[in-house]
Structures are given as C-alpha cells and as structure tokens.
N, C-alpha and C. Protein backbone atom coordinates (compact mmCIF):
# COMPACT_ATOMS: atom_id res chain seq x y z
N ASN A 1 0.84 -1.18 0.00
CA ASN A 1 0.00 0.00 0.00
C ASN A 1 0.88 1.24 0.00
N ASN A 2 0.74 2.10 -1.00
CA ASN A 2 1.56 3.30 -1.11
C ASN A 2 1.38 4.23 0.08
N TRP A 3 0.16 4.37 0.58
CA TRP A 3 -0.08 5.27 1.70
C TRP A 3 0.66 4.81 2.94
N SER A 4 0.68 3.53 3.17
CA SER A 4 1.37 3.00 4.34
C SER A 4 2.86 3.33 4.27
N GLN A 5 3.47 3.21 3.08
CA GLN A 5 4.88 3.56 2.91
C GLN A 5 5.09 5.05 3.06
N ALA A 6 4.24 5.85 2.47
CA ALA A 6 4.40 7.31 2.49
C ALA A 6 4.31 7.86 3.90
N LEU A 7 3.47 7.27 4.73
CA LEU A 7 3.26 7.79 6.07
C LEU A 7 4.00 6.98 7.13
N GLY A 8 5.01 6.23 6.71
CA GLY A 8 5.83 5.51 7.66
C GLY A 8 5.11 4.38 8.37
N GLY A 9 4.20 3.72 7.67
CA GLY A 9 3.49 2.60 8.24
C GLY A 9 2.20 2.98 8.93
N VAL A 10 1.88 4.25 9.00
CA VAL A 10 0.64 4.71 9.62
C VAL A 10 -0.30 5.12 8.50
N ALA A 11 -1.37 4.39 8.29
CA ALA A 11 -2.26 4.69 7.18
C ALA A 11 -3.17 5.88 7.48
N LEU A 12 -3.68 5.97 8.70
CA LEU A 12 -4.57 7.06 9.06
C LEU A 12 -4.22 7.55 10.46
N GLY A 13 -4.61 8.77 10.77
CA GLY A 13 -4.41 9.28 12.12
C GLY A 13 -3.33 10.34 12.15
N LEU A 14 -3.10 10.85 13.33
CA LEU A 14 -2.11 11.89 13.51
C LEU A 14 -0.72 11.28 13.65
N ILE A 15 0.26 11.99 13.12
CA ILE A 15 1.64 11.54 13.21
C ILE A 15 2.37 12.52 14.12
N ASN A 16 2.99 12.03 15.17
CA ASN A 16 3.72 12.90 16.09
C ASN A 16 4.97 13.42 15.43
N ASN A 17 5.32 14.66 15.74
CA ASN A 17 6.54 15.25 15.23
C ASN A 17 7.70 14.68 16.02
N SER A 18 8.27 13.58 15.54
CA SER A 18 9.31 12.87 16.26
C SER A 18 10.66 13.57 16.18
N ILE A 19 10.89 14.35 15.14
CA ILE A 19 12.16 15.04 14.98
C ILE A 19 12.05 16.39 15.68
N SER A 20 12.96 16.65 16.59
CA SER A 20 12.89 17.84 17.43
C SER A 20 13.02 19.13 16.62
N ASN A 21 12.05 20.02 16.79
CA ASN A 21 12.03 21.34 16.14
C ASN A 21 12.20 21.26 14.62
N LEU A 22 11.55 20.29 14.00
CA LEU A 22 11.62 20.15 12.54
C LEU A 22 10.81 21.26 11.88
N THR A 23 11.43 21.91 10.91
CA THR A 23 10.76 22.98 10.15
C THR A 23 11.02 22.78 8.67
N ILE A 24 9.95 22.90 7.87
CA ILE A 24 10.14 22.95 6.41
C ILE A 24 9.64 24.32 5.95
N TYR A 25 10.40 24.96 5.08
CA TYR A 25 10.05 26.31 4.64
C TYR A 25 10.68 26.60 3.29
N PRO A 26 10.17 27.50 2.49
CA PRO A 26 8.84 28.09 2.66
C PRO A 26 7.77 27.05 2.32
N ASN A 27 6.61 27.23 2.86
CA ASN A 27 5.50 26.34 2.56
C ASN A 27 4.23 27.19 2.54
N PRO A 28 3.71 27.51 1.39
CA PRO A 28 3.95 26.89 0.08
C PRO A 28 5.27 27.34 -0.57
N VAL A 29 5.80 26.43 -1.41
CA VAL A 29 7.03 26.70 -2.16
C VAL A 29 6.65 27.32 -3.49
N SER A 30 7.28 28.45 -3.82
CA SER A 30 7.01 29.06 -5.12
C SER A 30 8.29 29.29 -5.92
N ASN A 31 9.46 29.09 -5.30
CA ASN A 31 10.72 29.34 -6.00
C ASN A 31 11.48 28.07 -6.35
N GLY A 32 10.89 26.90 -6.10
CA GLY A 32 11.53 25.64 -6.46
C GLY A 32 12.52 25.12 -5.43
N LYS A 33 12.67 25.80 -4.29
CA LYS A 33 13.62 25.36 -3.27
C LYS A 33 12.92 25.17 -1.93
N LEU A 34 13.11 23.99 -1.35
CA LEU A 34 12.54 23.65 -0.06
C LEU A 34 13.67 23.47 0.94
N PHE A 35 13.59 24.16 2.07
CA PHE A 35 14.60 24.05 3.12
C PHE A 35 14.02 23.26 4.28
N ILE A 36 14.85 22.43 4.88
CA ILE A 36 14.44 21.60 6.00
C ILE A 36 15.48 21.75 7.10
N SER A 37 15.02 22.10 8.31
CA SER A 37 15.95 22.24 9.42
C SER A 37 15.38 21.58 10.68
N SER A 38 16.29 21.25 11.58
CA SER A 38 15.91 20.65 12.87
C SER A 38 16.95 21.04 13.90
N SER A 39 16.67 20.72 15.15
CA SER A 39 17.60 21.05 16.24
C SER A 39 18.97 20.41 16.05
N SER A 40 18.98 19.16 15.61
CA SER A 40 20.25 18.42 15.54
C SER A 40 21.05 18.70 14.27
N ASN A 41 20.39 19.16 13.21
CA ASN A 41 21.06 19.42 11.93
C ASN A 41 21.87 18.24 11.42
N LEU A 42 21.37 17.03 11.62
CA LEU A 42 21.99 15.83 11.06
C LEU A 42 21.47 15.63 9.64
N GLU A 43 22.10 14.69 8.90
CA GLU A 43 21.64 14.38 7.55
C GLU A 43 20.21 13.86 7.61
N LYS A 44 19.40 14.34 6.68
CA LYS A 44 18.00 13.92 6.59
C LYS A 44 17.74 13.25 5.25
N GLU A 45 17.00 12.16 5.28
CA GLU A 45 16.51 11.56 4.05
C GLU A 45 15.13 12.14 3.81
N VAL A 46 14.92 12.66 2.61
CA VAL A 46 13.68 13.33 2.27
C VAL A 46 13.02 12.59 1.11
N VAL A 47 11.76 12.18 1.31
CA VAL A 47 11.01 11.52 0.26
C VAL A 47 9.69 12.27 0.12
N ILE A 48 9.36 12.64 -1.11
CA ILE A 48 8.12 13.39 -1.38
C ILE A 48 7.17 12.51 -2.16
N TYR A 49 5.91 12.50 -1.69
CA TYR A 49 4.85 11.68 -2.29
C TYR A 49 3.70 12.58 -2.75
N THR A 50 3.02 12.13 -3.80
CA THR A 50 1.78 12.79 -4.22
C THR A 50 0.68 12.42 -3.22
N THR A 51 -0.46 13.07 -3.36
CA THR A 51 -1.60 12.74 -2.49
C THR A 51 -2.14 11.34 -2.79
N LEU A 52 -1.73 10.75 -3.91
CA LEU A 52 -2.13 9.38 -4.24
C LEU A 52 -1.13 8.36 -3.73
N GLY A 53 -0.07 8.84 -3.05
CA GLY A 53 0.92 7.94 -2.48
C GLY A 53 2.06 7.55 -3.39
N GLN A 54 2.17 8.20 -4.57
CA GLN A 54 3.26 7.90 -5.49
C GLN A 54 4.50 8.70 -5.10
N GLN A 55 5.65 8.01 -5.00
CA GLN A 55 6.90 8.69 -4.69
C GLN A 55 7.36 9.48 -5.92
N VAL A 56 7.64 10.79 -5.73
CA VAL A 56 8.05 11.62 -6.86
C VAL A 56 9.44 12.20 -6.69
N LEU A 57 10.01 12.12 -5.49
CA LEU A 57 11.34 12.66 -5.26
C LEU A 57 11.95 12.00 -4.03
N GLN A 58 13.26 11.71 -4.10
CA GLN A 58 14.00 11.20 -2.95
C GLN A 58 15.36 11.88 -2.96
N ASP A 59 15.78 12.40 -1.80
CA ASP A 59 17.04 13.13 -1.71
C ASP A 59 17.53 13.08 -0.28
N LYS A 60 18.78 13.50 -0.08
CA LYS A 60 19.35 13.62 1.26
C LYS A 60 19.89 15.03 1.40
N THR A 61 19.79 15.57 2.61
CA THR A 61 20.28 16.93 2.85
C THR A 61 20.69 17.10 4.30
N VAL A 62 21.59 18.05 4.53
CA VAL A 62 21.91 18.49 5.88
C VAL A 62 21.39 19.90 6.04
N SER A 63 21.88 20.79 5.18
CA SER A 63 21.43 22.19 5.30
C SER A 63 21.09 22.83 3.96
N GLU A 64 21.48 22.19 2.86
CA GLU A 64 21.19 22.78 1.56
C GLU A 64 19.73 22.56 1.16
N ALA A 65 19.29 23.33 0.20
CA ALA A 65 17.89 23.27 -0.25
C ALA A 65 17.65 22.01 -1.08
N ILE A 66 16.42 21.52 -1.00
CA ILE A 66 15.97 20.42 -1.86
C ILE A 66 15.33 21.07 -3.08
N ASN A 67 15.76 20.65 -4.26
CA ASN A 67 15.21 21.20 -5.50
C ASN A 67 13.88 20.52 -5.81
N VAL A 68 12.79 21.29 -5.72
CA VAL A 68 11.46 20.75 -6.02
C VAL A 68 10.87 21.41 -7.26
N SER A 69 11.72 22.06 -8.05
CA SER A 69 11.23 22.80 -9.22
C SER A 69 10.61 21.90 -10.29
N ASN A 70 10.92 20.60 -10.28
CA ASN A 70 10.35 19.68 -11.26
C ASN A 70 8.96 19.19 -10.88
N LEU A 71 8.50 19.53 -9.66
CA LEU A 71 7.18 19.08 -9.23
C LEU A 71 6.10 20.04 -9.71
N SER A 72 4.98 19.48 -10.11
CA SER A 72 3.84 20.29 -10.55
C SER A 72 3.19 20.97 -9.35
N GLN A 73 2.43 22.02 -9.63
CA GLN A 73 1.68 22.67 -8.57
C GLN A 73 0.73 21.68 -7.92
N GLY A 74 0.61 21.77 -6.61
CA GLY A 74 -0.31 20.87 -5.92
C GLY A 74 0.13 20.58 -4.51
N THR A 75 -0.52 19.60 -3.91
CA THR A 75 -0.27 19.21 -2.53
C THR A 75 0.49 17.89 -2.52
N TYR A 76 1.48 17.81 -1.64
CA TYR A 76 2.34 16.63 -1.50
C TYR A 76 2.53 16.33 -0.02
N PHE A 77 3.10 15.16 0.25
CA PHE A 77 3.52 14.81 1.60
C PHE A 77 5.02 14.61 1.59
N VAL A 78 5.70 15.17 2.58
CA VAL A 78 7.14 15.06 2.70
C VAL A 78 7.44 14.17 3.90
N LYS A 79 8.10 13.06 3.65
CA LYS A 79 8.51 12.15 4.72
C LYS A 79 10.00 12.41 4.98
N ILE A 80 10.31 12.82 6.20
CA ILE A 80 11.68 13.18 6.56
C ILE A 80 12.15 12.21 7.63
N THR A 81 13.33 11.60 7.39
CA THR A 81 13.91 10.68 8.36
C THR A 81 15.27 11.23 8.77
N GLU A 82 15.46 11.34 10.10
CA GLU A 82 16.73 11.83 10.64
C GLU A 82 17.05 11.02 11.89
N ALA A 83 18.22 10.41 11.92
CA ALA A 83 18.69 9.63 13.08
C ALA A 83 17.65 8.59 13.52
N GLY A 84 17.00 7.94 12.56
CA GLY A 84 16.04 6.89 12.87
C GLY A 84 14.64 7.37 13.23
N LEU A 85 14.44 8.69 13.30
CA LEU A 85 13.12 9.25 13.59
C LEU A 85 12.50 9.72 12.28
N THR A 86 11.20 9.55 12.14
CA THR A 86 10.51 9.93 10.92
C THR A 86 9.33 10.83 11.22
N THR A 87 9.19 11.88 10.40
CA THR A 87 8.07 12.80 10.48
C THR A 87 7.54 13.02 9.08
N THR A 88 6.23 13.12 8.95
CA THR A 88 5.60 13.41 7.66
C THR A 88 4.85 14.73 7.77
N LYS A 89 5.08 15.60 6.77
CA LYS A 89 4.42 16.91 6.75
C LYS A 89 3.79 17.14 5.38
N LYS A 90 2.78 18.00 5.37
CA LYS A 90 2.13 18.39 4.12
C LYS A 90 2.94 19.51 3.47
N LEU A 91 3.06 19.46 2.15
CA LEU A 91 3.81 20.45 1.38
C LEU A 91 2.93 20.93 0.23
N ILE A 92 2.93 22.22 0.00
CA ILE A 92 2.19 22.80 -1.14
C ILE A 92 3.18 23.45 -2.08
N ILE A 93 3.07 23.10 -3.37
CA ILE A 93 3.88 23.71 -4.43
C ILE A 93 3.00 24.63 -5.21
N LYS A 94 3.42 25.89 -5.35
CA LYS A 94 2.66 26.87 -6.14
C LYS A 94 3.41 27.22 -7.40
C-alpha cells in the first residue's frame, strides 16, 4: 500500500513530530527550493509523495535546499527521516 509507505506505516491518524524542532520552509514553495531544518542538523533523508501515495522525489540533505522545481503545482507529503526518527508533513507547491 503506497499510503502506508508514504506515512511511515501509519495509514490514518495523527503523526507525532518525532524530529525535534523540525521545520520545512517556505510552505507553500514558489521558487523551487525547499529548506528543512531541525535542532540536531543531522543528515536527513527526504522523500516526497503525491496525495495518491506515489513517490516523486527522494534526496538527502543536511542544510542545503531540496530542488522541487520539477514538481507540478499541488499538494504533496514530505517524509523526513533523521537519526532513525521519521516525520511526515504536508507540502504545497505553487
């Protein structure tokens, strides 16, 4: 099930923000660059899914921007994994 993978094994319900002080910005993205920061600033694995659960981007970052300019306008889910902790957030591309 794509949704189960996209949401880290949780198909429905609230997902706790397991990564301390995780921030994604700007949201909505209009310049093609997504920044992700957290308290620890460790390497993060970033996977972006469509609302249908299809994976459209996978990248790793510490502090540099993730290039999302190839994504169409719309709503996505960003699954971020850092030091074994995973958080999923909603992302809007304009």
